[in-house]
C-alpha atoms as a PDB file:
ATOM      1  CA  UNK A   1       0.000   0.000   0.000  1.00  0.00           C
ATOM      2  CA  UNK A   2       1.379   3.422  -0.943  1.00  0.00           C
ATOM      3  CA  UNK A   3       1.941   5.924   1.881  1.00  0.00           C
ATOM      4  CA  UNK A   4      -0.904   8.414   2.365  1.00  0.00           C
ATOM      5  CA  UNK A   5      -0.409  12.086   1.548  1.00  0.00           C
ATOM      6  CA  UNK A   6      -2.456  15.207   2.122  1.00  0.00           C
ATOM      7  CA  UNK A   7      -1.968  18.781   3.302  1.00  0.00           C
ATOM      8  CA  UNK A   8      -1.421  19.263   7.018  1.00  0.00           C
ATOM      9  CA  UNK A   9       0.101  21.523   9.621  1.00  0.00           C
ATOM     10  CA  UNK A  10       2.961  19.889  11.503  1.00  0.00           C
ATOM     11  CA  UNK A  11       3.823  21.109  14.999  1.00  0.00           C
ATOM     12  CA  UNK A  12       7.027  20.383  16.878  1.00  0.00           C
ATOM     13  CA  UNK A  13       7.725  21.424  20.437  1.00  0.00           C
ATOM     14  CA  UNK A  14      10.409  20.663  22.968  1.00  0.00           C
ATOM     15  CA  UNK A  15      11.314  21.662  26.502  1.00  0.00           C
ATOM     16  CA  UNK A  16      14.085  24.210  26.897  1.00  0.00           C
ATOM     17  CA  UNK A  17      17.086  23.502  29.161  1.00  0.00           C
ATOM     18  CA  UNK A  18      15.926  19.923  29.722  1.00  0.00           C
ATOM     19  CA  UNK A  19      19.435  18.462  29.888  1.00  0.00           C
ATOM     20  CA  UNK A  20      20.400  20.843  32.684  1.00  0.00           C
ATOM     21  CA  UNK A  21      17.103  20.216  34.454  1.00  0.00           C
ATOM     22  CA  UNK A  22      17.661  16.457  34.291  1.00  0.00           C
ATOM     23  CA  UNK A  23      21.154  16.825  35.715  1.00  0.00           C
ATOM     24  CA  UNK A  24      19.846  18.896  38.633  1.00  0.00           C
ATOM     25  CA  UNK A  25      16.769  16.847  39.616  1.00  0.00           C
ATOM     26  CA  UNK A  26      17.563  13.339  38.377  1.00  0.00           C
ATOM     27  CA  UNK A  27      16.147  11.095  35.675  1.00  0.00           C
ATOM     28  CA  UNK A  28      12.956  10.092  37.482  1.00  0.00           C
ATOM     29  CA  UNK A  29      11.664  13.612  38.079  1.00  0.00           C
ATOM     30  CA  UNK A  30      12.778  14.803  34.652  1.00  0.00           C
ATOM     31  CA  UNK A  31      10.945  11.874  33.048  1.00  0.00           C
ATOM     32  CA  UNK A  32       7.802  12.821  34.969  1.00  0.00           C
ATOM     33  CA  UNK A  33       8.048  16.390  33.667  1.00  0.00           C
ATOM     34  CA  UNK A  34       8.562  15.166  30.085  1.00  0.00           C
ATOM     35  CA  UNK A  35       5.506  12.953  30.439  1.00  0.00           C
ATOM     36  CA  UNK A  36       3.479  15.849  31.828  1.00  0.00           C
ATOM     37  CA  UNK A  37       4.531  17.989  28.853  1.00  0.00           C
ATOM     38  CA  UNK A  38       3.496  15.256  26.400  1.00  0.00           C
ATOM     39  CA  UNK A  39       0.130  14.949  28.145  1.00  0.00           C
ATOM     40  CA  UNK A  40      -0.442  18.709  27.879  1.00  0.00           C
ATOM     41  CA  UNK A  41       0.300  18.545  24.141  1.00  0.00           C
ATOM     42  CA  UNK A  42      -1.924  15.498  23.692  1.00  0.00           C
ATOM     43  CA  UNK A  43      -4.837  17.186  25.463  1.00  0.00           C
ATOM     44  CA  UNK A  44      -4.512  20.430  23.513  1.00  0.00           C
ATOM     45  CA  UNK A  45      -4.042  18.658  20.179  1.00  0.00           C
ATOM     46  CA  UNK A  46      -7.230  16.649  20.725  1.00  0.00           C
ATOM     47  CA  UNK A  47      -9.101  19.810  21.779  1.00  0.00           C
ATOM     48  CA  UNK A  48      -8.024  21.529  18.550  1.00  0.00           C
ATOM     49  CA  UNK A  49      -8.912  18.652  16.217  1.00  0.00           C
ATOM     50  CA  UNK A  50      -5.371  17.394  15.844  1.00  0.00           C
ATOM     51  CA  UNK A  51      -3.419  14.386  17.058  1.00  0.00           C
ATOM     52  CA  UNK A  52      -0.214  13.720  18.908  1.00  0.00           C
ATOM     53  CA  UNK A  53       1.957  11.845  16.412  1.00  0.00           C
ATOM     54  CA  UNK A  54       4.867  10.888  18.663  1.00  0.00           C
ATOM     55  CA  UNK A  55       7.098  11.883  21.542  1.00  0.00           C
ATOM     56  CA  UNK A  56      10.882  11.823  21.591  1.00  0.00           C
ATOM     57  CA  UNK A  57      12.559  12.475  24.925  1.00  0.00           C
ATOM     58  CA  UNK A  58      11.714  16.060  25.818  1.00  0.00           C
ATOM     59  CA  UNK A  59       9.930  16.784  22.514  1.00  0.00           C
ATOM     60  CA  UNK A  60       6.683  16.094  20.673  1.00  0.00           C
ATOM     61  CA  UNK A  61       5.218  16.145  17.178  1.00  0.00           C
ATOM     62  CA  UNK A  62       1.551  16.769  16.415  1.00  0.00           C
ATOM     63  CA  UNK A  63      -0.448  17.152  13.189  1.00  0.00           C
ATOM     64  CA  UNK A  64      -3.544  19.138  12.206  1.00  0.00           C
ATOM     65  CA  UNK A  65      -5.663  19.415   9.084  1.00  0.00           C
ATOM     66  CA  UNK A  66      -5.973  23.184   9.590  1.00  0.00           C
ATOM     67  CA  UNK A  67      -3.279  25.808  10.124  1.00  0.00           C
ATOM     68  CA  UNK A  68      -5.494  27.790  12.502  1.00  0.00           C
ATOM     69  CA  UNK A  69      -6.036  24.729  14.693  1.00  0.00           C
ATOM     70  CA  UNK A  70      -2.279  24.201  14.942  1.00  0.00           C
ATOM     71  CA  UNK A  71      -1.575  27.815  15.970  1.00  0.00           C
ATOM     72  CA  UNK A  72      -4.427  27.883  18.469  1.00  0.00           C
ATOM     73  CA  UNK A  73      -3.182  24.598  19.909  1.00  0.00           C
ATOM     74  CA  UNK A  74       0.299  26.090  20.380  1.00  0.00           C
ATOM     75  CA  UNK A  75      -1.165  29.157  22.108  1.00  0.00           C
ATOM     76  CA  UNK A  76      -3.262  27.072  24.494  1.00  0.00           C
ATOM     77  CA  UNK A  77      -0.278  24.772  25.063  1.00  0.00           C
ATOM     78  CA  UNK A  78       1.803  27.700  26.303  1.00  0.00           C
ATOM     79  CA  UNK A  79      -1.070  28.816  28.526  1.00  0.00           C
ATOM     80  CA  UNK A  80      -1.431  25.315  29.966  1.00  0.00           C
ATOM     81  CA  UNK A  81       2.343  25.188  30.570  1.00  0.00           C
ATOM     82  CA  UNK A  82       2.069  28.461  32.491  1.00  0.00           C
ATOM     83  CA  UNK A  83      -0.721  26.978  34.612  1.00  0.00           C
ATOM     84  CA  UNK A  84       1.344  23.832  35.180  1.00  0.00           C
ATOM     85  CA  UNK A  85       4.308  25.923  36.324  1.00  0.00           C
ATOM     86  CA  UNK A  86       2.093  27.771  38.796  1.00  0.00           C
ATOM     87  CA  UNK A  87       1.060  24.434  40.304  1.00  0.00           C
ATOM     88  CA  UNK A  88       4.602  22.971  40.127  1.00  0.00           C
ATOM     89  CA  UNK A  89       6.996  25.894  40.751  1.00  0.00           C
ATOM     90  CA  UNK A  90       9.986  23.555  40.944  1.00  0.00           C
ATOM     91  CA  UNK A  91       9.524  22.605  37.266  1.00  0.00           C
ATOM     92  CA  UNK A  92       9.408  25.993  35.493  1.00  0.00           C
ATOM     93  CA  UNK A  93       8.901  24.447  32.030  1.00  0.00           C
ATOM     94  CA  UNK A  94       9.464  26.550  28.917  1.00  0.00           C
ATOM     95  CA  UNK A  95       8.950  25.090  25.441  1.00  0.00           C
ATOM     96  CA  UNK A  96       9.784  26.297  21.954  1.00  0.00           C
ATOM     97  CA  UNK A  97       7.244  25.542  19.200  1.00  0.00           C
ATOM     98  CA  UNK A  98       7.601  25.463  15.410  1.00  0.00           C
ATOM     99  CA  UNK A  99       4.775  24.953  12.882  1.00  0.00           C
ATOM    100  CA  UNK A 100       5.036  24.284   9.134  1.00  0.00           C
ATOM    101  CA  UNK A 101       2.555  23.521   6.343  1.00  0.00           C
ATOM    102  CA  UNK A 102       2.918  20.952   3.606  1.00  0.00           C
ATOM    103  CA  UNK A 103       2.053  17.481   2.333  1.00  0.00           C
ATOM    104  CA  UNK A 104       3.845  15.134   4.732  1.00  0.00           C
ATOM    105  CA  UNK A 105       4.105  11.450   3.928  1.00  0.00           C
ATOM    106  CA  UNK A 106       2.024   9.385   6.336  1.00  0.00           C
ATOM    107  CA  UNK A 107       3.169   5.860   7.029  1.00  0.00           C
ATOM    108  CA  UNK A 108       2.603   3.644  10.041  1.00  0.00           C
ATOM    109  CA  UNK A 109       1.130   6.499  12.032  1.00  0.00           C
ATOM    110  CA  UNK A 110       4.284   8.598  11.570  1.00  0.00           C
ATOM    111  CA  UNK A 111       4.976  11.606   9.341  1.00  0.00           C
ATOM    112  CA  UNK A 112       7.940  12.283   7.053  1.00  0.00           C
ATOM    113  CA  UNK A 113       8.949  14.934   4.541  1.00  0.00           C
ATOM    114  CA  UNK A 114       9.993  18.536   4.108  1.00  0.00           C
ATOM    115  CA  UNK A 115       7.255  20.078   6.270  1.00  0.00           C
ATOM    116  CA  UNK A 116       8.226  17.762   9.134  1.00  0.00           C
ATOM    117  CA  UNK A 117      11.881  18.761   8.839  1.00  0.00           C
ATOM    118  CA  UNK A 118      10.970  22.436   8.575  1.00  0.00           C
ATOM    119  CA  UNK A 119       8.701  22.350  11.639  1.00  0.00           C
ATOM    120  CA  UNK A 120      11.500  20.714  13.654  1.00  0.00           C
ATOM    121  CA  UNK A 121      14.035  23.330  12.549  1.00  0.00           C
ATOM    122  CA  UNK A 122      11.616  26.161  13.345  1.00  0.00           C
ATOM    123  CA  UNK A 123      11.092  24.700  16.814  1.00  0.00           C
ATOM    124  CA  UNK A 124      14.857  24.592  17.281  1.00  0.00           C
ATOM    125  CA  UNK A 125      14.966  28.318  16.511  1.00  0.00           C
ATOM    126  CA  UNK A 126      12.120  29.229  18.876  1.00  0.00           C
ATOM    127  CA  UNK A 127      12.880  30.724  22.243  1.00  0.00           C
ATOM    128  CA  UNK A 128      11.186  29.226  25.286  1.00  0.00           C
ATOM    129  CA  UNK A 129       7.559  30.401  25.157  1.00  0.00           C
ATOM    130  CA  UNK A 130       7.758  31.391  21.482  1.00  0.00           C
ATOM    131  CA  UNK A 131       5.820  30.070  18.454  1.00  0.00           C
ATOM    132  CA  UNK A 132       7.637  30.284  15.089  1.00  0.00           C
ATOM    133  CA  UNK A 133       5.684  29.500  11.912  1.00  0.00           C
ATOM    134  CA  UNK A 134       6.340  29.364   8.167  1.00  0.00           C
ATOM    135  CA  UNK A 135       4.649  31.945   5.853  1.00  0.00           C
ATOM    136  CA  UNK A 136       2.027  29.430   4.665  1.00  0.00           C
ATOM    137  CA  UNK A 137       0.769  28.980   8.231  1.00  0.00           C
ATOM    138  CA  UNK A 138       0.397  32.741   8.641  1.00  0.00           C
ATOM    139  CA  UNK A 139      -1.396  32.969   5.278  1.00  0.00           C
ATOM    140  CA  UNK A 140      -3.848  30.233   6.243  1.00  0.00           C
ATOM    141  CA  UNK A 141      -4.597  31.485   9.760  1.00  0.00           C
ATOM    142  CA  UNK A 142      -8.235  32.590   9.562  1.00  0.00           C
ATOM    143  CA  UNK A 143      -9.313  33.283  13.146  1.00  0.00           C
ATOM    144  CA  UNK A 144     -10.272  36.585  14.740  1.00  0.00           C
ATOM    145  CA  UNK A 145      -8.134  36.436  17.852  1.00  0.00           C
ATOM    146  CA  UNK A 146      -5.404  38.184  19.772  1.00  0.00           C
ATOM    147  CA  UNK A 147      -2.666  36.338  17.843  1.00  0.00           C
ATOM    148  CA  UNK A 148      -0.383  38.751  15.970  1.00  0.00           C
ATOM    149  CA  UNK A 149       2.169  37.642  13.386  1.00  0.00           C
ATOM    150  CA  UNK A 150       5.528  39.387  13.593  1.00  0.00           C
ATOM    151  CA  UNK A 151       7.918  39.042  10.662  1.00  0.00           C
ATOM    152  CA  UNK A 152      11.310  37.609  11.633  1.00  0.00           C
ATOM    153  CA  UNK A 153      14.582  37.955   9.793  1.00  0.00           C
ATOM    154  CA  UNK A 154      15.290  35.066   7.427  1.00  0.00           C
ATOM    155  CA  UNK A 155      16.323  32.076   9.503  1.00  0.00           C
ATOM    156  CA  UNK A 156      19.459  30.047   8.847  1.00  0.00           C
ATOM    157  CA  UNK A 157      18.223  26.489   9.391  1.00  0.00           C
ATOM    158  CA  UNK A 158      20.371  23.385   9.444  1.00  0.00           C
ATOM    159  CA  UNK A 159      20.172  21.517   6.129  1.00  0.00           C
ATOM    160  CA  UNK A 160      17.791  24.052   4.564  1.00  0.00           C
ATOM    161  CA  UNK A 161      18.179  27.301   2.606  1.00  0.00           C
ATOM    162  CA  UNK A 162      17.411  30.578   4.453  1.00  0.00           C
ATOM    163  CA  UNK A 163      13.733  30.586   5.379  1.00  0.00           C
ATOM    164  CA  UNK A 164      11.279  33.455   5.926  1.00  0.00           C
ATOM    165  CA  UNK A 165       9.344  32.990   9.144  1.00  0.00           C
ATOM    166  CA  UNK A 166       6.928  34.668  11.542  1.00  0.00           C
ATOM    167  CA  UNK A 167       6.403  34.695  15.270  1.00  0.00           C
ATOM    168  CA  UNK A 168       2.828  34.055  16.383  1.00  0.00           C
ATOM    169  CA  UNK A 169       2.738  36.517  19.302  1.00  0.00           C
ATOM    170  CA  UNK A 170      -0.009  35.407  21.636  1.00  0.00           C
ATOM    171  CA  UNK A 171       0.447  37.211  24.960  1.00  0.00           C
ATOM    172  CA  UNK A 172      -1.293  40.394  26.090  1.00  0.00           C
ATOM    173  CA  UNK A 173       1.890  42.415  25.612  1.00  0.00           C
ATOM    174  CA  UNK A 174       2.416  45.820  27.168  1.00  0.00           C
ATOM    175  CA  UNK A 175       6.028  46.090  25.972  1.00  0.00           C
ATOM    176  CA  UNK A 176       8.777  43.962  24.449  1.00  0.00           C
ATOM    177  CA  UNK A 177      12.547  44.290  24.768  1.00  0.00           C
ATOM    178  CA  UNK A 178      14.936  42.217  22.688  1.00  0.00           C
ATOM    179  CA  UNK A 179      18.714  42.129  22.440  1.00  0.00           C
ATOM    180  CA  UNK A 180      20.465  42.696  19.148  1.00  0.00           C
ATOM    181  CA  UNK A 181      21.108  38.981  18.593  1.00  0.00           C
ATOM    182  CA  UNK A 182      17.545  37.896  19.585  1.00  0.00           C
ATOM    183  CA  UNK A 183      18.939  35.260  21.973  1.00  0.00           C
ATOM    184  CA  UNK A 184      16.972  36.871  24.798  1.00  0.00           C
ATOM    185  CA  UNK A 185      13.649  38.698  24.716  1.00  0.00           C
ATOM    186  CA  UNK A 186      11.758  40.124  27.689  1.00  0.00           C
ATOM    187  CA  UNK A 187       7.998  40.538  27.358  1.00  0.00           C
ATOM    188  CA  UNK A 188       5.990  42.684  29.762  1.00  0.00           C
ATOM    189  CA  UNK A 189       2.339  41.742  30.297  1.00  0.00           C
ATOM    190  CA  UNK A 190      -0.115  43.422  32.696  1.00  0.00           C
ATOM    191  CA  UNK A 191       1.037  41.156  35.540  1.00  0.00           C
ATOM    192  CA  UNK A 192       4.240  39.356  34.517  1.00  0.00           C
ATOM    193  CA  UNK A 193       7.723  39.684  33.095  1.00  0.00           C
ATOM    194  CA  UNK A 194       8.438  36.817  30.708  1.00  0.00           C
ATOM    195  CA  UNK A 195      12.022  35.916  29.786  1.00  0.00           C
ATOM    196  CA  UNK A 196      12.411  33.970  26.537  1.00  0.00           C
ATOM    197  CA  UNK A 197      15.807  32.358  25.889  1.00  0.00           C
ATOM    198  CA  UNK A 198      16.947  30.807  22.635  1.00  0.00           C
ATOM    199  CA  UNK A 199      17.800  27.119  22.474  1.00  0.00           C
ATOM    200  CA  UNK A 200      21.371  28.069  21.542  1.00  0.00           C
ATOM    201  CA  UNK A 201      21.709  30.152  24.696  1.00  0.00           C
ATOM    202  CA  UNK A 202      20.378  27.288  26.775  1.00  0.00           C
ATOM    203  CA  UNK A 203      22.922  24.946  25.183  1.00  0.00           C
ATOM    204  CA  UNK A 204      25.736  27.364  26.008  1.00  0.00           C
ATOM    205  CA  UNK A 205      24.542  27.545  29.592  1.00  0.00           C
ATOM    206  CA  UNK A 206      24.740  23.770  29.801  1.00  0.00           C
ATOM    207  CA  UNK A 207      28.232  23.747  28.302  1.00  0.00           C
ATOM    208  CA  UNK A 208      29.316  26.388  30.788  1.00  0.00           C
ATOM    209  CA  UNK A 209      27.882  24.454  33.699  1.00  0.00           C
ATOM    210  CA  UNK A 210      29.584  21.258  32.524  1.00  0.00           C
ATOM    211  CA  UNK A 211      32.911  23.039  32.238  1.00  0.00           C
ATOM    212  CA  UNK A 212      32.626  24.588  35.676  1.00  0.00           C
ATOM    213  CA  UNK A 213      31.626  21.231  37.136  1.00  0.00           C
ATOM    214  CA  UNK A 214      34.726  19.680  35.590  1.00  0.00           C
ATOM    215  CA  UNK A 215      36.810  22.470  37.054  1.00  0.00           C
ATOM    216  CA  UNK A 216      35.249  21.937  40.478  1.00  0.00           C
ATOM    217  CA  UNK A 217      36.266  18.272  40.340  1.00  0.00           C
ATOM    218  CA  UNK A 218      39.844  19.366  39.728  1.00  0.00           C
ATOM    219  CA  UNK A 219      40.247  21.366  42.910  1.00  0.00           C
ATOM    220  CA  UNK A 220      43.501  19.537  43.505  1.00  0.00           C
ATOM    221  CA  UNK A 221      45.031  22.056  41.104  1.00  0.00           C
ATOM    222  CA  UNK A 222      46.928  24.954  42.633  1.00  0.00           C
ATOM    223  CA  UNK A 223      45.186  28.297  43.032  1.00  0.00           C
ATOM    224  CA  UNK A 224      47.504  29.710  40.385  1.00  0.00           C
ATOM    225  CA  UNK A 225      46.384  27.165  37.793  1.00  0.00           C
ATOM    226  CA  UNK A 226      42.714  27.672  38.654  1.00  0.00           C
ATOM    227  CA  UNK A 227      43.088  31.421  38.143  1.00  0.00           C
ATOM    228  CA  UNK A 228      44.772  30.758  34.803  1.00  0.00           C
ATOM    229  CA  UNK A 229      41.832  28.531  33.813  1.00  0.00           C
ATOM    230  CA  UNK A 230      39.298  31.164  34.822  1.00  0.00           C
ATOM    231  CA  UNK A 231      41.180  33.830  32.876  1.00  0.00           C
ATOM    232  CA  UNK A 232      41.033  31.857  29.653  1.00  0.00           C
ATOM    233  CA  UNK A 233      37.378  30.752  29.820  1.00  0.00           C
ATOM    234  CA  UNK A 234      35.597  31.721  26.580  1.00  0.00           C
ATOM    235  CA  UNK A 235      33.778  35.043  26.965  1.00  0.00           C
ATOM    236  CA  UNK A 236      30.439  33.511  26.023  1.00  0.00           C
ATOM    237  CA  UNK A 237      30.595  31.341  29.158  1.00  0.00           C
ATOM    238  CA  UNK A 238      30.541  34.427  31.349  1.00  0.00           C
ATOM    239  CA  UNK A 239      27.578  35.780  29.388  1.00  0.00           C
ATOM    240  CA  UNK A 240      25.757  32.463  29.409  1.00  0.00           C
ATOM    241  CA  UNK A 241      26.180  32.040  33.149  1.00  0.00           C
ATOM    242  CA  UNK A 242      24.481  35.391  33.654  1.00  0.00           C
ATOM    243  CA  UNK A 243      21.338  33.756  32.211  1.00  0.00           C
ATOM    244  CA  UNK A 244      21.508  30.686  34.447  1.00  0.00           C
ATOM    245  CA  UNK A 245      18.712  30.316  36.982  1.00  0.00           C
ATOM    246  CA  UNK A 246      16.629  33.140  35.539  1.00  0.00           C
ATOM    247  CA  UNK A 247      13.437  31.140  35.161  1.00  0.00           C
ATOM    248  CA  UNK A 248      10.673  31.823  32.680  1.00  0.00           C
ATOM    249  CA  UNK A 249       7.725  33.828  34.062  1.00  0.00           C
ATOM    250  CA  UNK A 250       7.837  36.196  37.009  1.00  0.00           C
ATOM    251  CA  UNK A 251       5.138  38.193  38.799  1.00  0.00           C
ATOM    252  CA  UNK A 252       5.774  41.934  38.626  1.00  0.00           C
ATOM    253  CA  UNK A 253       6.022  42.300  42.398  1.00  0.00           C
ATOM    254  CA  UNK A 254       8.659  39.579  42.750  1.00  0.00           C
ATOM    255  CA  UNK A 255      11.226  40.915  40.295  1.00  0.00           C
ATOM    256  CA  UNK A 256      13.781  43.734  40.395  1.00  0.00           C
ATOM    257  CA  UNK A 257      14.411  45.444  37.053  1.00  0.00           C
ATOM    258  CA  UNK A 258      16.552  48.587  36.834  1.00  0.00           C
ATOM    259  CA  UNK A 259      19.603  50.118  35.181  1.00  0.00           C
ATOM    260  CA  UNK A 260      22.799  51.089  36.915  1.00  0.00           C
ATOM    261  CA  UNK A 261      25.310  52.813  34.670  1.00  0.00           C
ATOM    262  CA  UNK A 262      25.596  50.677  31.533  1.00  0.00           C
ATOM    263  CA  UNK A 263      24.158  47.566  33.195  1.00  0.00           C
ATOM    264  CA  UNK A 264      20.577  46.341  33.178  1.00  0.00           C
ATOM    265  CA  UNK A 265      19.836  44.281  36.294  1.00  0.00           C
ATOM    266  CA  UNK A 266      17.002  41.741  36.199  1.00  0.00           C
ATOM    267  CA  UNK A 267      16.791  39.806  39.438  1.00  0.00           C
ATOM    268  CA  UNK A 268      13.831  37.614  40.424  1.00  0.00           C
ATOM    269  CA  UNK A 269      13.322  36.944  44.117  1.00  0.00           C
ATOM    270  CA  UNK A 270      15.590  34.141  45.285  1.00  0.00           C
ATOM    271  CA  UNK A 271      17.451  33.874  41.975  1.00  0.00           C
ATOM    272  CA  UNK A 272      20.818  34.962  40.681  1.00  0.00           C
ATOM    273  CA  UNK A 273      19.333  37.023  37.873  1.00  0.00           C
ATOM    274  CA  UNK A 274      20.843  38.738  34.861  1.00  0.00           C
ATOM    275  CA  UNK A 275      23.347  41.507  34.314  1.00  0.00           C
ATOM    276  CA  UNK A 276      23.041  42.787  30.752  1.00  0.00           C
ATOM    277  CA  UNK A 277      24.827  45.552  28.870  1.00  0.00           C
ATOM    278  CA  UNK A 278      22.346  48.324  28.092  1.00  0.00           C
ATOM    279  CA  UNK A 279      24.180  48.916  24.802  1.00  0.00           C
ATOM    280  CA  UNK A 280      22.799  45.570  23.590  1.00  0.00           C
ATOM    281  CA  UNK A 281      19.318  47.138  23.413  1.00  0.00           C
ATOM    282  CA  UNK A 282      17.644  49.917  21.493  1.00  0.00           C
ATOM    283  CA  UNK A 283      17.719  52.778  24.006  1.00  0.00           C
ATOM    284  CA  UNK A 284      14.215  54.037  23.274  1.00  0.00           C
ATOM    285  CA  UNK A 285      12.773  50.534  23.636  1.00  0.00           C
ATOM    286  CA  UNK A 286      14.697  50.037  26.870  1.00  0.00           C
ATOM    287  CA  UNK A 287      13.432  53.343  28.306  1.00  0.00           C
ATOM    288  CA  UNK A 288       9.848  52.555  27.271  1.00  0.00           C
ATOM    289  CA  UNK A 289      10.033  49.032  28.727  1.00  0.00           C
ATOM    290  CA  UNK A 290      11.337  50.259  32.110  1.00  0.00           C
ATOM    291  CA  UNK A 291       8.830  53.114  32.198  1.00  0.00           C
ATOM    292  CA  UNK A 292       5.890  50.774  31.640  1.00  0.00           C
ATOM    293  CA  UNK A 293       7.291  48.188  34.056  1.00  0.00           C
ATOM    294  CA  UNK A 294       7.558  50.784  36.833  1.00  0.00           C
ATOM    295  CA  UNK A 295       4.081  52.117  36.043  1.00  0.00           C
ATOM    296  CA  UNK A 296       2.553  48.648  36.391  1.00  0.00           C
ATOM    297  CA  UNK A 297       4.475  48.013  39.614  1.00  0.00           C
ATOM    298  CA  UNK A 298       3.169  51.225  41.159  1.00  0.00           C
ATOM    299  CA  UNK A 299      -0.373  50.415  39.995  1.00  0.00           C
ATOM    300  CA  UNK A 300      -0.341  47.083  41.839  1.00  0.00           C
ATOM    301  CA  UNK A 301       1.129  48.392  45.088  1.00  0.00           C
END
């Protein structure tokens, strides 16, 4: 029997920083979180007339006959993840989602083809909490909703030519602040500050943590040699470590956000926080973001 074909929206999603999370909490708890994530996807896919195709470690693939159903599923998935995090604050899940349109090959319940590969690559590009879609998904989205499509720069995707893409912005945004390299974006809503990190940044954090762990196990080295090692650490490790432990969503009243000289400090209660160079941001956007953040803080006090 020949494999079935037909147009469909393919959705990929995976948990950000899952390797680091597994290392910190152990395999059993990490497995439970991965299962919970898969269950959230399964429930939302069914609700939006789609199906969960398969799971793979910390990731999932789902399929839909309509582009609008796929986008709405991704939006409700992020909302359900936020609710899950509120009930399980030790988990703090963030997932990146990519959605592509095409005619995937269906065989044995699985999907194959260009749209599958593209959806996976788009998910790899998505920051935690972000939805990245191909132009055909945007074109076919036919709902009157709060979803806004923001054009992204052409994406360099592994194994594919440069691809145009859009972000499906779904939050009730008051302001948005992004660095020049888009590896970190802060989104201000009426009651939260959301920090979205790219998958690449999360990978660098893990590499930095692994390196520092290795160094810690070598404490038999003299202080002189340890200082030499610290001096020659790649610069990106220092920057990546500034992102470590930041978390994903934070209530306005539990986070400190202010500039001091050329440094932007973002420090959630009980966390290490971030120290960012203000020159990495558009100054007008930075001023507007801080102004609106402080206004909302005063409103709630």
